[in-house]
Amino acid sequence: MATNDHHVASQPFSHPPNLTIQVMNHFEPPIKWSDHEDVAMALYEKFGDDFTEAKIYRIRFTELIDWVLSLPNFEGTREQANEGHLEQIQAKWVYEWRDNQ
């Protein structure tokens, strides 16, 4: 009877001590002024139910611009903001607020 001289020991797998495992973060593309819905969703995430429909429509555009510019992943400038973008952002923010009630 032949014996197998090539026996592999059953050991749990372990990483070498100098191996670093890098976790990839989820990539989020930049948000721009024309991304009205994305901006609105980010504002709702930031403020939650602190702003009702009536309060959202009473926000001064100067304040709204500052809030949008402070959002993570937002790429845009104050000069690129215009009334059309701001009105659309307010409207989408209201829709987002309503969807979460």
Protein backbone atom coordinates (compact mmCIF):
# COMPACT_ATOMS: atom_id res chain seq x y z
CA MET A 1 0.00 0.00 0.00
CA ALA A 2 1.44 3.33 -1.06
CA THR A 3 1.40 6.26 1.30
CA ASN A 4 0.97 9.87 0.27
CA ASP A 5 4.03 11.81 1.39
CA HIS A 6 2.51 15.12 0.21
CA HIS A 7 0.14 15.82 3.05
CA VAL A 8 -1.13 19.44 3.30
CA ALA A 9 -1.93 20.53 6.80
CA SER A 10 -5.35 22.03 7.21
CA GLN A 11 -4.76 25.47 8.68
CA PRO A 12 -6.95 28.55 8.66
CA PHE A 13 -5.96 31.17 6.12
CA SER A 14 -4.23 34.19 7.57
CA HIS A 15 -2.95 37.37 5.97
CA PRO A 16 0.75 38.11 6.14
CA PRO A 17 1.37 40.61 8.96
CA ASN A 18 2.44 43.39 6.58
CA LEU A 19 -0.56 43.09 4.24
CA THR A 20 -2.84 46.11 4.25
CA ILE A 21 -6.41 45.72 3.08
CA GLN A 22 -7.79 48.87 1.52
CA VAL A 23 -11.52 49.44 1.64
CA MET A 24 -12.85 51.42 -1.31
CA ASN A 25 -15.26 54.18 -0.41
CA HIS A 26 -18.41 54.56 -2.47
CA PHE A 27 -17.72 57.18 -5.13
CA GLU A 28 -20.30 59.92 -5.29
CA PRO A 29 -20.18 62.10 -8.39
CA PRO A 30 -20.10 65.85 -7.89
CA ILE A 31 -23.39 67.73 -7.57
CA LYS A 32 -23.93 70.81 -9.73
CA TRP A 33 -26.51 73.63 -9.74
CA SER A 34 -28.46 71.88 -12.49
CA ASP A 35 -28.81 68.71 -10.38
CA HIS A 36 -31.92 70.09 -8.69
CA GLU A 37 -33.21 66.79 -7.33
CA ASP A 38 -29.82 65.72 -5.96
CA VAL A 39 -29.38 69.09 -4.26
CA ALA A 40 -32.88 68.87 -2.80
CA MET A 41 -32.27 65.36 -1.48
CA ALA A 42 -29.00 66.48 0.12
CA LEU A 43 -30.75 69.45 1.75
CA TYR A 44 -33.49 67.20 3.09
CA GLU A 45 -30.86 64.81 4.48
CA LYS A 46 -29.11 67.75 6.12
CA PHE A 47 -32.16 69.47 7.61
CA GLY A 48 -34.74 66.69 7.81
CA ASP A 49 -38.15 67.88 8.96
CA ASP A 50 -36.82 71.17 10.37
CA PHE A 51 -38.23 72.84 7.26
CA THR A 52 -41.85 72.33 6.27
CA GLU A 53 -43.22 73.22 2.85
CA ALA A 54 -44.10 76.77 3.92
CA LYS A 55 -40.68 77.31 5.48
CA ILE A 56 -38.84 75.97 2.43
CA TYR A 57 -40.58 78.49 0.18
CA ARG A 58 -39.74 81.33 2.59
CA ILE A 59 -35.98 80.68 2.58
CA ARG A 60 -34.05 83.63 1.22
CA PHE A 61 -32.09 82.79 -1.89
CA THR A 62 -28.91 84.16 -0.31
CA GLU A 63 -29.27 81.62 2.52
CA LEU A 64 -30.15 78.81 0.12
CA ILE A 65 -27.04 79.54 -1.95
CA ASP A 66 -24.84 79.31 1.16
CA TRP A 67 -26.43 75.99 2.19
CA VAL A 68 -26.03 74.49 -1.27
CA LEU A 69 -22.40 75.60 -1.50
CA SER A 70 -21.70 73.89 1.84
CA LEU A 71 -23.05 70.49 0.73
CA PRO A 72 -20.53 67.65 0.44
CA ASN A 73 -19.61 66.86 -3.18
CA PHE A 74 -21.11 70.13 -4.44
CA GLU A 75 -19.14 71.65 -7.27
CA GLY A 76 -20.32 75.08 -8.23
CA THR A 77 -19.86 78.73 -7.46
CA ARG A 78 -22.06 81.48 -6.13
CA GLU A 79 -21.83 83.16 -9.54
CA GLN A 80 -23.32 80.11 -11.27
CA ALA A 81 -26.45 80.20 -9.11
CA ASN A 82 -29.52 81.75 -10.70
CA GLU A 83 -33.17 82.23 -9.85
CA GLY A 84 -34.27 79.32 -12.04
CA HIS A 85 -31.96 76.84 -10.30
CA LEU A 86 -32.94 78.09 -6.85
CA GLU A 87 -36.67 77.88 -7.57
CA GLN A 88 -36.28 74.34 -8.92
CA ILE A 89 -34.23 73.32 -5.88
CA GLN A 90 -36.94 74.69 -3.56
CA ALA A 91 -39.68 72.84 -5.47
CA LYS A 92 -37.76 69.55 -5.46
CA TRP A 93 -36.97 70.00 -1.76
CA VAL A 94 -40.70 70.37 -1.07
CA TYR A 95 -41.41 67.16 -3.06
CA GLU A 96 -38.70 65.37 -1.07
CA TRP A 97 -40.19 66.65 2.20
CA ARG A 98 -43.69 65.53 1.15
CA ASP A 99 -42.44 62.08 0.16
CA ASN A 100 -41.05 61.61 3.65
CA GLN A 101 -44.19 62.59 5.57
